[in-house]
Amino acid sequence: MTGNVTAEVETPDGDVGPNNGPLNFPGTNNSGTHGSSNLTTGYIVGCQVALGQLSANATLLVSTSPALAGGFSFPLSPGQVQWVAINNIELIKSGTYTINYQDIPMEIQGCGGYAQARQASAVEIIGVDYRKVTLYGQPFSIG
């Protein structure tokens, strides 16, 4: 998977703390910002049929241009859809922010049928008028 997500935002200054960021609770798609605005990108992945249980792993390298190394491997049950986050950037001031990633492998193990994914990116803006905008890419087949 390769992608480039850029957002130009106007946001109140944020304050990132240990207890005010996304916690990836079920059904949240890792959203929920309280201390600062944020930009999140990832994939929504679904599988038609499951063959077994496996584990998930990923390694994140943080630098001036955050990037993901390694890849993703995860199980899916029949009819299950899973959010796979690529990266999340805290937006503590107004400006232009970019998430770049290139050649990240995604392996869906245990899927015996049709698998599909689509990119999703969300910008959440804190303040009196909280706003969240999510953009979805075109679905594509995996495997």
C-alpha atoms as a PDB file:
ATOM      1  CA  MET A   1       0.000   0.000   0.000  1.00  0.00           C
ATOM      2  CA  THR A   2       1.228   3.448  -0.853  1.00  0.00           C
ATOM      3  CA  GLY A   3      -0.380   6.763  -0.047  1.00  0.00           C
ATOM      4  CA  ASN A   4       0.000  10.461   0.573  1.00  0.00           C
ATOM      5  CA  VAL A   5      -2.506  12.334   2.738  1.00  0.00           C
ATOM      6  CA  THR A   6      -2.273  16.116   3.083  1.00  0.00           C
ATOM      7  CA  ALA A   7      -4.543  18.369   5.131  1.00  0.00           C
ATOM      8  CA  GLU A   8      -4.447  22.136   5.420  1.00  0.00           C
ATOM      9  CA  VAL A   9      -6.136  23.001   8.709  1.00  0.00           C
ATOM     10  CA  GLU A  10      -7.072  25.959  10.854  1.00  0.00           C
ATOM     11  CA  THR A  11      -7.303  24.855  14.457  1.00  0.00           C
ATOM     12  CA  PRO A  12      -7.057  26.301  17.939  1.00  0.00           C
ATOM     13  CA  ASP A  13      -3.684  25.563  19.533  1.00  0.00           C
ATOM     14  CA  GLY A  14      -3.768  22.135  21.141  1.00  0.00           C
ATOM     15  CA  ASP A  15      -2.118  20.565  24.153  1.00  0.00           C
ATOM     16  CA  VAL A  16      -1.227  16.903  23.737  1.00  0.00           C
ATOM     17  CA  GLY A  17      -1.290  14.968  26.992  1.00  0.00           C
ATOM     18  CA  PRO A  18      -1.117  11.364  28.127  1.00  0.00           C
ATOM     19  CA  ASN A  19      -4.882  10.965  28.526  1.00  0.00           C
ATOM     20  CA  ASN A  20      -6.437  12.989  25.729  1.00  0.00           C
ATOM     21  CA  GLY A  21      -5.694  11.227  22.450  1.00  0.00           C
ATOM     22  CA  PRO A  22      -7.326   8.441  20.451  1.00  0.00           C
ATOM     23  CA  LEU A  23      -7.652   5.208  22.452  1.00  0.00           C
ATOM     24  CA  ASN A  24      -8.872   2.882  19.662  1.00  0.00           C
ATOM     25  CA  PHE A  25     -11.966   1.746  21.568  1.00  0.00           C
ATOM     26  CA  PRO A  26     -14.226  -0.643  19.607  1.00  0.00           C
ATOM     27  CA  GLY A  27     -16.348   1.198  17.058  1.00  0.00           C
ATOM     28  CA  THR A  28     -14.295   4.429  17.175  1.00  0.00           C
ATOM     29  CA  ASN A  29     -11.912   3.888  14.221  1.00  0.00           C
ATOM     30  CA  ASN A  30      -9.291   5.248  16.613  1.00  0.00           C
ATOM     31  CA  SER A  31     -10.973   8.652  16.666  1.00  0.00           C
ATOM     32  CA  GLY A  32     -11.633  10.848  19.654  1.00  0.00           C
ATOM     33  CA  THR A  33      -9.369  13.813  20.167  1.00  0.00           C
ATOM     34  CA  HIS A  34      -9.539  16.079  23.184  1.00  0.00           C
ATOM     35  CA  GLY A  35      -6.178  17.773  23.626  1.00  0.00           C
ATOM     36  CA  SER A  36      -5.390  18.635  20.035  1.00  0.00           C
ATOM     37  CA  SER A  37      -6.771  18.288  16.551  1.00  0.00           C
ATOM     38  CA  ASN A  38      -5.511  15.306  14.568  1.00  0.00           C
ATOM     39  CA  LEU A  39      -5.102  13.735  11.150  1.00  0.00           C
ATOM     40  CA  THR A  40      -5.553   9.951  10.954  1.00  0.00           C
ATOM     41  CA  THR A  41      -5.182   7.667   7.960  1.00  0.00           C
ATOM     42  CA  GLY A  42      -5.613   3.942   7.538  1.00  0.00           C
ATOM     43  CA  TYR A  43      -7.636   1.243   5.837  1.00  0.00           C
ATOM     44  CA  ILE A  44     -11.015  -0.348   6.403  1.00  0.00           C
ATOM     45  CA  VAL A  45     -10.557  -4.040   5.573  1.00  0.00           C
ATOM     46  CA  GLY A  46     -13.178  -6.758   5.271  1.00  0.00           C
ATOM     47  CA  CYS A  47     -13.198 -10.507   4.609  1.00  0.00           C
ATOM     48  CA  GLN A  48     -15.947 -12.745   3.306  1.00  0.00           C
ATOM     49  CA  VAL A  49     -14.861 -16.026   5.028  1.00  0.00           C
ATOM     50  CA  ALA A  50     -12.421 -16.770   7.895  1.00  0.00           C
ATOM     51  CA  LEU A  51     -10.117 -19.807   8.164  1.00  0.00           C
ATOM     52  CA  GLY A  52      -8.471 -19.330  11.584  1.00  0.00           C
ATOM     53  CA  GLN A  53      -6.965 -17.037  14.210  1.00  0.00           C
ATOM     54  CA  LEU A  54      -3.690 -15.145  13.863  1.00  0.00           C
ATOM     55  CA  SER A  55      -2.023 -12.085  15.388  1.00  0.00           C
ATOM     56  CA  ALA A  56      -1.444  -8.465  14.371  1.00  0.00           C
ATOM     57  CA  ASN A  57       1.852  -6.563  14.344  1.00  0.00           C
ATOM     58  CA  ALA A  58       3.283  -3.317  13.030  1.00  0.00           C
ATOM     59  CA  THR A  59       6.283  -1.089  13.623  1.00  0.00           C
ATOM     60  CA  LEU A  60       6.075   2.696  13.474  1.00  0.00           C
ATOM     61  CA  LEU A  61       9.146   4.812  12.775  1.00  0.00           C
ATOM     62  CA  VAL A  62       8.825   8.430  13.911  1.00  0.00           C
ATOM     63  CA  SER A  63      10.961  11.048  12.198  1.00  0.00           C
ATOM     64  CA  THR A  64      10.414  14.403  10.522  1.00  0.00           C
ATOM     65  CA  SER A  65       8.368  12.445   7.965  1.00  0.00           C
ATOM     66  CA  PRO A  66       6.544   9.719   9.909  1.00  0.00           C
ATOM     67  CA  ALA A  67       6.507   6.420   8.038  1.00  0.00           C
ATOM     68  CA  LEU A  68       5.548   2.842   8.717  1.00  0.00           C
ATOM     69  CA  ALA A  69       8.057   0.018   8.437  1.00  0.00           C
ATOM     70  CA  GLY A  70       7.167  -3.626   8.154  1.00  0.00           C
ATOM     71  CA  GLY A  71       3.558  -4.410   7.469  1.00  0.00           C
ATOM     72  CA  PHE A  72       0.282  -5.663   8.842  1.00  0.00           C
ATOM     73  CA  SER A  73      -0.945  -9.177   9.440  1.00  0.00           C
ATOM     74  CA  PHE A  74      -4.290  -9.698  11.147  1.00  0.00           C
ATOM     75  CA  PRO A  75      -7.229 -12.103  11.415  1.00  0.00           C
ATOM     76  CA  LEU A  76     -10.769 -11.419  10.232  1.00  0.00           C
ATOM     77  CA  SER A  77     -13.912 -13.397  11.067  1.00  0.00           C
ATOM     78  CA  PRO A  78     -16.648 -14.054   8.493  1.00  0.00           C
ATOM     79  CA  GLY A  79     -18.309 -10.775   7.617  1.00  0.00           C
ATOM     80  CA  GLN A  80     -15.978  -8.817   9.919  1.00  0.00           C
ATOM     81  CA  VAL A  81     -14.597  -5.408   9.039  1.00  0.00           C
ATOM     82  CA  GLN A  82     -11.474  -4.096  10.762  1.00  0.00           C
ATOM     83  CA  TRP A  83      -9.855  -0.657  10.956  1.00  0.00           C
ATOM     84  CA  VAL A  84      -6.083  -0.758  10.302  1.00  0.00           C
ATOM     85  CA  ALA A  85      -4.477   2.558  11.285  1.00  0.00           C
ATOM     86  CA  ILE A  86      -1.398   3.630   9.339  1.00  0.00           C
ATOM     87  CA  ASN A  87      -0.610   6.818  11.256  1.00  0.00           C
ATOM     88  CA  ASN A  88      -2.081   9.582  13.406  1.00  0.00           C
ATOM     89  CA  ILE A  89      -0.576  13.084  13.622  1.00  0.00           C
ATOM     90  CA  GLU A  90      -1.455  15.512  16.407  1.00  0.00           C
ATOM     91  CA  LEU A  91      -2.211  18.953  14.926  1.00  0.00           C
ATOM     92  CA  ILE A  92      -1.235  21.372  17.678  1.00  0.00           C
ATOM     93  CA  LYS A  93      -1.235  24.499  15.477  1.00  0.00           C
ATOM     94  CA  SER A  94      -2.810  25.600  12.199  1.00  0.00           C
ATOM     95  CA  GLY A  95      -0.856  24.603   9.103  1.00  0.00           C
ATOM     96  CA  THR A  96      -0.378  21.975   6.419  1.00  0.00           C
ATOM     97  CA  TYR A  97       0.272  18.406   7.556  1.00  0.00           C
ATOM     98  CA  THR A  98       1.181  15.339   5.491  1.00  0.00           C
ATOM     99  CA  ILE A  99       1.309  11.594   6.097  1.00  0.00           C
ATOM    100  CA  ASN A 100       3.339   9.663   3.504  1.00  0.00           C
ATOM    101  CA  TYR A 101       3.695   5.903   3.351  1.00  0.00           C
ATOM    102  CA  GLN A 102       5.054   3.628   0.661  1.00  0.00           C
ATOM    103  CA  ASP A 103       5.134  -0.089  -0.148  1.00  0.00           C
ATOM    104  CA  ILE A 104       3.525  -1.293   3.085  1.00  0.00           C
ATOM    105  CA  PRO A 105       2.474  -4.933   2.782  1.00  0.00           C
ATOM    106  CA  MET A 106      -0.903  -6.004   4.145  1.00  0.00           C
ATOM    107  CA  GLU A 107      -1.514  -9.692   4.736  1.00  0.00           C
ATOM    108  CA  ILE A 108      -4.948 -10.892   5.738  1.00  0.00           C
ATOM    109  CA  GLN A 109      -4.417 -14.383   7.079  1.00  0.00           C
ATOM    110  CA  GLY A 110      -7.294 -16.756   7.586  1.00  0.00           C
ATOM    111  CA  CYS A 111      -9.441 -15.173   4.891  1.00  0.00           C
ATOM    112  CA  GLY A 112     -10.733 -17.904   2.609  1.00  0.00           C
ATOM    113  CA  GLY A 113     -12.898 -15.738   0.402  1.00  0.00           C
ATOM    114  CA  TYR A 114     -13.184 -12.310  -1.093  1.00  0.00           C
ATOM    115  CA  ALA A 115     -11.276  -9.569   0.771  1.00  0.00           C
ATOM    116  CA  GLN A 116     -11.671  -5.855   0.136  1.00  0.00           C
ATOM    117  CA  ALA A 117     -10.166  -2.648   1.549  1.00  0.00           C
ATOM    118  CA  ARG A 118     -10.483   1.100   1.147  1.00  0.00           C
ATOM    119  CA  GLN A 119      -8.407   3.948   2.469  1.00  0.00           C
ATOM    120  CA  ALA A 120      -9.996   6.286   4.996  1.00  0.00           C
ATOM    121  CA  SER A 121      -8.526   9.533   6.303  1.00  0.00           C
ATOM    122  CA  ALA A 122     -10.070  11.769   8.948  1.00  0.00           C
ATOM    123  CA  VAL A 123      -9.324  15.260  10.214  1.00  0.00           C
ATOM    124  CA  GLU A 124     -10.695  16.150  13.658  1.00  0.00           C
ATOM    125  CA  ILE A 125     -10.654  19.780  14.775  1.00  0.00           C
ATOM    126  CA  ILE A 126     -11.016  20.694  18.451  1.00  0.00           C
ATOM    127  CA  GLY A 127     -12.712  23.807  19.738  1.00  0.00           C
ATOM    128  CA  VAL A 128     -16.155  25.159  20.483  1.00  0.00           C
ATOM    129  CA  ASP A 129     -17.379  23.863  17.112  1.00  0.00           C
ATOM    130  CA  TYR A 130     -15.815  20.364  17.062  1.00  0.00           C
ATOM    131  CA  ARG A 131     -15.561  19.101  13.495  1.00  0.00           C
ATOM    132  CA  LYS A 132     -14.650  15.761  11.960  1.00  0.00           C
ATOM    133  CA  VAL A 133     -14.336  15.168   8.231  1.00  0.00           C
ATOM    134  CA  THR A 134     -13.673  11.678   6.857  1.00  0.00           C
ATOM    135  CA  LEU A 135     -12.707  10.962   3.243  1.00  0.00           C
ATOM    136  CA  TYR A 136     -12.960   7.449   1.801  1.00  0.00           C
ATOM    137  CA  GLY A 137     -11.009   6.054  -1.150  1.00  0.00           C
ATOM    138  CA  GLN A 138     -12.294   3.644  -3.765  1.00  0.00           C
ATOM    139  CA  PRO A 139     -12.631   0.015  -2.604  1.00  0.00           C
ATOM    140  CA  PHE A 140     -10.096  -2.466  -3.988  1.00  0.00           C
ATOM    141  CA  SER A 141      -9.610  -6.236  -3.824  1.00  0.00           C
ATOM    142  CA  ILE A 142      -6.833  -7.851  -1.771  1.00  0.00           C
ATOM    143  CA  GLY A 143      -5.203 -11.110  -2.726  1.00  0.00           C
END
